[in-house]
Amino acid sequence: MPKGYRSPPPYPWSRSSSYASNCSIFLSFCVQILICFVNFQRESATEPFDLPARLNKDPFQREAALLRMKSDRLQVAHLFMHQRQHYLSTSEFCDRKKFEATNGDLVSIQFEIMPLPGARSVKNIVDALQFFVYNLEISISEAVGDVTIRENDDAKPGSAVAQHRLVATVADVIQTDTNNVAFAEYRPAGPGEQELGLMICDTVDEDELYPYRPDTRVRQDMTQITQIAWHQQEVGDPIIVMTRWWCLRIRKSDIYVPPFVVDRIRTGVEKVGAAMFATARRAGGMVI
């Protein structure tokens, strides 16, 4: 051994068993924190609104509640989309997540950016998408192929809020229960501001007039935010971009839902989304 050589110090865990024990406790603590974070993400990342939606039978109180929903959700949606887009470019982008929530619900989340090169009017696109949404049961039936019927009155074109109480028969196996409200906002161009359109679809939690039927139907909750807006590209002129975030939640049910039916429901939502994008492209004068 060379003169002056010193042996390396022993490994920390060889000094005492207490060090190894402390490491084990620390690692266990980190794992628990990670599990809590994942569970928190599973529950909180699916609902940007996190606002209750309850409707009673009185028509005047229903209308007032729906208008409050519109006001509250438009504010939250503007902030939510701004935060999601802040560091993203105008190029095509898609992020998908699928998981089982801690309460047993089956959740699918998707965020996508779809540029519309050549489109010149946000207003034209918003109008076309509103027509698509206000005739949602027809749009779903055509896009998916499953028979979808409306249980409430048809939405009136131009109304501030549209409610969709829909029942779909999926693959001739089960029926799904959906109760959504939809509303839109269009902001024309102004000093220093480009025109912008925002469309929202959110779930009604409780409805005395149209209650859910868990004994015979599987509840399907859908929340969606769609924004149509001008964005400046890194190179070139501004471009209209369609940005969309949606969350599908198939509620845990005592009714057995075969895996292929779950896949069909999820695929159906994606097909409806593709049909909406095609509608936006046509309204923007683009070739489909």
Protein backbone atom coordinates (compact mmCIF):
# COMPACT_ATOMS: atom_id res chain seq x y z
CA MET A 1 0.00 0.00 0.00
CA PRO A 2 1.52 3.40 -0.97
CA LYS A 3 2.85 5.57 1.80
CA GLY A 4 0.28 8.08 3.03
CA TYR A 5 -2.68 6.11 1.60
CA ARG A 6 -5.82 6.25 3.66
CA SER A 7 -8.59 3.74 3.39
CA PRO A 8 -11.93 5.22 2.27
CA PRO A 9 -14.44 5.76 5.03
CA PRO A 10 -16.97 3.01 5.51
CA TYR A 11 -20.28 3.30 3.66
CA PRO A 12 -22.89 5.22 5.64
CA TRP A 13 -25.05 2.17 6.17
CA SER A 14 -22.11 0.31 7.68
CA ARG A 15 -21.69 2.93 10.41
CA SER A 16 -24.88 2.05 12.16
CA SER A 17 -28.12 0.26 11.56
CA SER A 18 -29.98 3.46 12.53
CA TYR A 19 -28.86 5.19 9.31
CA ALA A 20 -30.34 2.42 7.18
CA SER A 21 -33.49 2.54 9.24
CA ASN A 22 -33.78 6.30 8.75
CA CYS A 23 -33.29 5.90 4.99
CA SER A 24 -36.04 3.30 4.89
CA ILE A 25 -38.40 5.58 6.80
CA PHE A 26 -37.57 8.51 4.49
CA LEU A 27 -38.16 6.43 1.35
CA SER A 28 -41.44 5.16 2.75
CA PHE A 29 -42.48 8.75 3.46
CA CYS A 30 -41.60 9.79 -0.12
CA VAL A 31 -43.66 6.92 -1.54
CA GLN A 32 -46.65 7.93 0.57
CA ILE A 33 -46.32 11.54 -0.61
CA LEU A 34 -46.18 10.34 -4.22
CA ILE A 35 -49.27 8.18 -3.76
CA CYS A 36 -51.16 11.10 -2.22
CA PHE A 37 -50.08 13.35 -5.09
CA VAL A 38 -51.21 10.84 -7.72
CA ASN A 39 -54.57 10.38 -6.00
CA PHE A 40 -54.96 14.15 -5.73
CA GLN A 41 -54.20 14.49 -9.43
CA ARG A 42 -56.73 11.78 -10.26
CA GLU A 43 -59.46 13.66 -8.46
CA SER A 44 -58.62 17.34 -8.96
CA ALA A 45 -57.17 17.31 -12.48
CA THR A 46 -60.45 16.30 -14.07
CA GLU A 47 -62.66 19.24 -13.17
CA PRO A 48 -61.41 22.78 -13.79
CA PHE A 49 -64.77 24.20 -12.72
CA ASP A 50 -65.32 22.29 -9.47
CA LEU A 51 -68.62 24.13 -9.16
CA PRO A 52 -71.89 22.39 -8.20
CA ALA A 53 -74.68 22.32 -10.77
CA ARG A 54 -78.10 21.64 -9.27
CA LEU A 55 -81.43 22.38 -10.90
CA ASN A 56 -84.90 22.20 -9.36
CA LYS A 57 -88.28 22.03 -11.08
CA ASP A 58 -89.20 25.72 -10.98
CA PRO A 59 -88.60 27.13 -14.50
CA PHE A 60 -87.58 30.60 -13.31
CA GLN A 61 -85.14 29.26 -10.74
CA ARG A 62 -83.75 26.84 -13.34
CA GLU A 63 -83.10 29.67 -15.77
CA ALA A 64 -81.44 31.78 -13.07
CA ALA A 65 -79.24 28.85 -12.03
CA LEU A 66 -78.22 28.16 -15.63
CA LEU A 67 -77.29 31.80 -16.21
CA ARG A 68 -75.17 31.76 -13.04
CA MET A 69 -73.46 28.62 -14.32
CA LYS A 70 -72.68 30.37 -17.58
CA SER A 71 -71.16 33.42 -15.89
CA ASP A 72 -69.08 31.42 -13.40
CA ARG A 73 -67.77 28.89 -15.89
CA LEU A 74 -66.87 31.40 -18.58
CA GLN A 75 -64.60 33.20 -16.12
CA VAL A 76 -62.91 29.99 -15.01
CA ALA A 77 -62.61 28.67 -18.57
CA HIS A 78 -60.83 31.79 -19.86
CA LEU A 79 -58.23 31.51 -17.09
CA PHE A 80 -57.90 27.74 -17.49
CA MET A 81 -57.25 27.90 -21.24
CA HIS A 82 -54.83 30.80 -20.84
CA GLN A 83 -52.78 28.79 -18.34
CA ARG A 84 -52.79 25.65 -20.50
CA GLN A 85 -51.70 27.49 -23.65
CA HIS A 86 -49.22 29.90 -22.13
CA TYR A 87 -46.06 27.94 -22.99
CA LEU A 88 -47.34 26.08 -26.06
CA SER A 89 -46.88 26.95 -29.71
CA THR A 90 -49.57 27.07 -32.38
CA SER A 91 -48.50 23.76 -33.91
CA GLU A 92 -50.70 20.67 -33.66
CA PHE A 93 -50.58 19.03 -30.24
CA CYS A 94 -52.48 16.34 -28.32
CA ASP A 95 -52.13 15.01 -24.78
CA ARG A 96 -54.29 12.07 -23.60
CA LYS A 97 -54.77 10.43 -20.22
CA LYS A 98 -56.91 7.46 -19.18
CA PHE A 99 -57.21 6.11 -15.65
CA GLU A 100 -59.51 4.73 -13.00
CA ALA A 101 -60.29 7.29 -10.30
CA THR A 102 -60.02 6.38 -6.64
CA ASN A 103 -63.82 6.08 -6.43
CA GLY A 104 -63.98 3.64 -9.36
CA ASP A 105 -65.00 6.08 -12.10
CA LEU A 106 -63.34 5.57 -15.49
CA VAL A 107 -61.81 8.85 -16.63
CA SER A 108 -60.44 10.04 -19.96
CA ILE A 109 -58.85 13.48 -20.36
CA GLN A 110 -57.64 15.08 -23.56
CA PHE A 111 -56.07 18.44 -24.38
CA GLU A 112 -55.45 19.34 -28.00
CA ILE A 113 -54.35 22.24 -30.15
CA MET A 114 -55.58 22.26 -33.76
CA PRO A 115 -54.46 25.07 -36.07
CA LEU A 116 -56.87 26.22 -38.77
CA PRO A 117 -54.62 27.67 -41.48
CA GLY A 118 -56.52 29.72 -44.03
CA ALA A 119 -59.51 30.40 -41.76
CA ARG A 120 -60.34 34.11 -41.58
CA SER A 121 -63.30 34.43 -39.19
CA VAL A 122 -63.62 33.23 -35.60
CA LYS A 123 -67.30 34.23 -35.64
CA ASN A 124 -68.12 31.91 -38.56
CA ILE A 125 -66.49 28.98 -36.78
CA VAL A 126 -68.23 29.68 -33.46
CA ASP A 127 -71.62 29.91 -35.20
CA ALA A 128 -71.05 26.58 -36.95
CA LEU A 129 -69.97 24.87 -33.73
CA GLN A 130 -72.98 26.25 -31.87
CA PHE A 131 -75.27 24.71 -34.48
CA PHE A 132 -73.40 21.41 -34.03
CA VAL A 133 -73.80 21.52 -30.25
CA TYR A 134 -77.42 22.73 -30.23
CA ASN A 135 -78.31 19.63 -32.29
CA LEU A 136 -76.09 17.40 -30.21
CA GLU A 137 -78.20 14.23 -30.27
CA ILE A 138 -78.19 14.28 -34.09
CA SER A 139 -74.47 15.08 -34.21
CA ILE A 140 -73.66 12.19 -31.84
CA SER A 141 -75.85 9.70 -33.70
CA GLU A 142 -74.25 10.62 -37.03
CA ALA A 143 -70.67 10.57 -35.72
CA VAL A 144 -70.86 7.47 -33.52
CA GLY A 145 -73.66 5.36 -34.95
CA ASP A 146 -75.37 4.69 -31.61
CA VAL A 147 -78.97 5.87 -31.32
CA THR A 148 -79.11 8.96 -29.10
CA ILE A 149 -82.41 10.55 -28.07
CA ARG A 150 -83.24 13.78 -26.27
CA GLU A 151 -85.50 13.65 -23.20
CA ASN A 152 -85.87 17.40 -22.70
CA ASP A 153 -87.09 20.10 -25.09
CA ASP A 154 -84.92 21.08 -28.03
CA ALA A 155 -82.53 23.93 -27.43
CA LYS A 156 -83.61 27.17 -29.08
CA PRO A 157 -81.06 28.73 -31.45
CA GLY A 158 -79.66 31.91 -29.98
CA SER A 159 -80.62 31.05 -26.40
CA ALA A 160 -78.06 31.90 -23.71
CA VAL A 161 -77.88 28.33 -22.40
CA ALA A 162 -78.75 24.97 -23.96
CA GLN A 163 -79.48 21.89 -21.85
CA HIS A 164 -78.98 18.42 -23.27
CA ARG A 165 -80.70 15.54 -21.45
CA LEU A 166 -79.61 12.63 -23.63
CA VAL A 167 -79.93 8.86 -23.52
CA ALA A 168 -77.77 6.72 -25.80
CA THR A 169 -77.98 3.00 -26.48
CA VAL A 170 -74.38 1.81 -26.80
CA ALA A 171 -73.75 -1.23 -29.00
CA ASP A 172 -77.28 -2.46 -28.16
CA VAL A 173 -75.90 -3.47 -24.74
CA ILE A 174 -76.37 -0.64 -22.23
CA GLN A 175 -77.92 2.81 -22.02
CA THR A 176 -75.99 5.86 -20.90
CA ASP A 177 -77.42 8.83 -19.03
CA THR A 178 -76.10 12.31 -19.88
CA ASN A 179 -77.25 15.69 -18.58
CA ASN A 180 -75.18 18.62 -19.86
CA VAL A 181 -75.51 22.35 -20.28
CA ALA A 182 -73.76 24.24 -23.06
CA PHE A 183 -73.11 27.90 -23.63
CA ALA A 184 -70.83 30.09 -25.72
CA GLU A 185 -69.28 33.53 -25.73
CA TYR A 186 -67.99 35.50 -28.70
CA ARG A 187 -65.79 38.57 -28.27
CA PRO A 188 -65.37 40.69 -31.40
CA ALA A 189 -62.06 42.33 -32.20
CA GLY A 190 -61.37 45.55 -30.32
CA PRO A 191 -58.53 47.96 -29.64
CA GLY A 192 -55.47 45.78 -29.13
CA GLU A 193 -57.55 42.58 -29.04
CA GLN A 194 -58.32 39.91 -31.62
CA GLU A 195 -61.73 38.24 -31.84
CA LEU A 196 -62.19 35.18 -29.65
CA GLY A 197 -64.81 32.49 -29.13
CA LEU A 198 -65.31 30.20 -26.15
CA MET A 199 -67.69 27.25 -25.89
CA ILE A 200 -68.34 25.26 -22.73
CA CYS A 201 -70.16 22.03 -21.97
CA ASP A 202 -70.52 20.93 -18.35
CA THR A 203 -72.37 18.28 -16.37
CA VAL A 204 -75.47 18.83 -14.26
CA ASP A 205 -74.94 17.10 -10.92
CA GLU A 206 -78.57 17.00 -9.78
CA ASP A 207 -81.75 17.74 -11.70
CA GLU A 208 -85.18 17.40 -10.07
CA LEU A 209 -86.91 17.63 -13.44
CA TYR A 210 -84.68 15.08 -15.20
CA PRO A 211 -83.14 12.85 -12.49
CA TYR A 212 -80.49 10.26 -13.31
CA ARG A 213 -81.60 6.61 -13.42
CA PRO A 214 -78.72 4.58 -11.97
CA ASP A 215 -80.79 1.38 -11.80
CA THR A 216 -81.14 1.13 -15.58
CA ARG A 217 -78.54 3.49 -17.07
CA VAL A 218 -74.84 4.21 -16.69
CA ARG A 219 -74.14 7.85 -15.95
CA GLN A 220 -71.74 9.54 -18.35
CA ASP A 221 -70.36 12.97 -17.40
CA MET A 222 -68.73 15.19 -20.01
CA THR A 223 -66.96 18.49 -19.46
CA GLN A 224 -65.50 20.33 -22.43
CA ILE A 225 -63.92 23.72 -23.09
CA THR A 226 -63.33 24.80 -26.68
CA GLN A 227 -61.59 28.04 -27.60
CA ILE A 228 -61.34 29.56 -31.07
CA ALA A 229 -58.84 32.41 -31.18
CA TRP A 230 -56.17 34.17 -33.17
CA HIS A 231 -52.57 33.37 -32.20
CA GLN A 232 -49.31 34.82 -33.42
CA GLN A 233 -47.00 32.22 -34.96
CA GLU A 234 -43.26 32.27 -34.33
CA VAL A 235 -42.83 32.93 -38.04
CA GLY A 236 -45.51 34.36 -40.29
CA ASP A 237 -48.92 35.94 -39.90
CA PRO A 238 -51.41 35.27 -37.08
CA ILE A 239 -53.46 32.09 -37.40
CA ILE A 240 -56.79 30.91 -36.00
CA VAL A 241 -56.34 28.01 -33.60
CA MET A 242 -58.94 25.69 -32.09
CA THR A 243 -57.91 24.60 -28.59
CA ARG A 244 -59.95 22.02 -26.74
CA TRP A 245 -59.87 20.34 -23.33
CA TRP A 246 -62.35 17.65 -22.38
CA CYS A 247 -62.92 15.15 -19.61
CA LEU A 248 -65.12 12.08 -19.88
CA ARG A 249 -66.11 10.37 -16.65
CA ILE A 250 -67.98 7.05 -16.82
CA ARG A 251 -69.47 6.80 -13.36
CA LYS A 252 -69.01 3.64 -11.33
CA SER A 253 -72.22 1.65 -11.59
CA ASP A 254 -73.83 -1.54 -10.33
CA ILE A 255 -74.57 -2.26 -13.98
CA TYR A 256 -71.86 -4.36 -15.60
CA VAL A 257 -70.19 -2.48 -18.44
CA PRO A 258 -68.10 -4.77 -20.69
CA PRO A 259 -64.63 -3.43 -21.58
CA PHE A 260 -65.55 -3.20 -25.26
CA VAL A 261 -68.47 -0.92 -24.35
CA VAL A 262 -66.14 1.32 -22.33
CA ASP A 263 -63.85 1.51 -25.35
CA ARG A 264 -66.81 2.29 -27.59
CA ILE A 265 -67.93 5.14 -25.32
CA ARG A 266 -64.42 6.60 -25.23
CA THR A 267 -63.98 6.19 -28.97
CA GLY A 268 -67.40 7.75 -29.51
CA VAL A 269 -66.35 10.91 -27.67
CA GLU A 270 -63.24 11.11 -29.85
CA LYS A 271 -65.37 10.68 -32.99
CA VAL A 272 -67.67 13.49 -31.92
CA GLY A 273 -64.59 15.63 -31.29
CA ALA A 274 -63.30 14.84 -34.77
CA ALA A 275 -66.69 15.78 -36.24
CA MET A 276 -66.55 19.10 -34.39
CA PHE A 277 -63.10 19.80 -35.80
CA ALA A 278 -64.32 18.96 -39.31
CA THR A 279 -67.20 21.40 -38.76
CA ALA A 280 -64.72 24.10 -37.74
CA ARG A 281 -62.57 23.41 -40.81
CA ARG A 282 -65.57 23.67 -43.14
CA ALA A 283 -66.69 26.91 -41.49
CA GLY A 284 -63.18 28.25 -41.94
CA GLY A 285 -63.28 27.52 -45.66
CA MET A 286 -60.76 24.69 -45.47
CA VAL A 287 -60.85 21.56 -47.61
CA ILE A 288 -61.89 18.49 -45.59
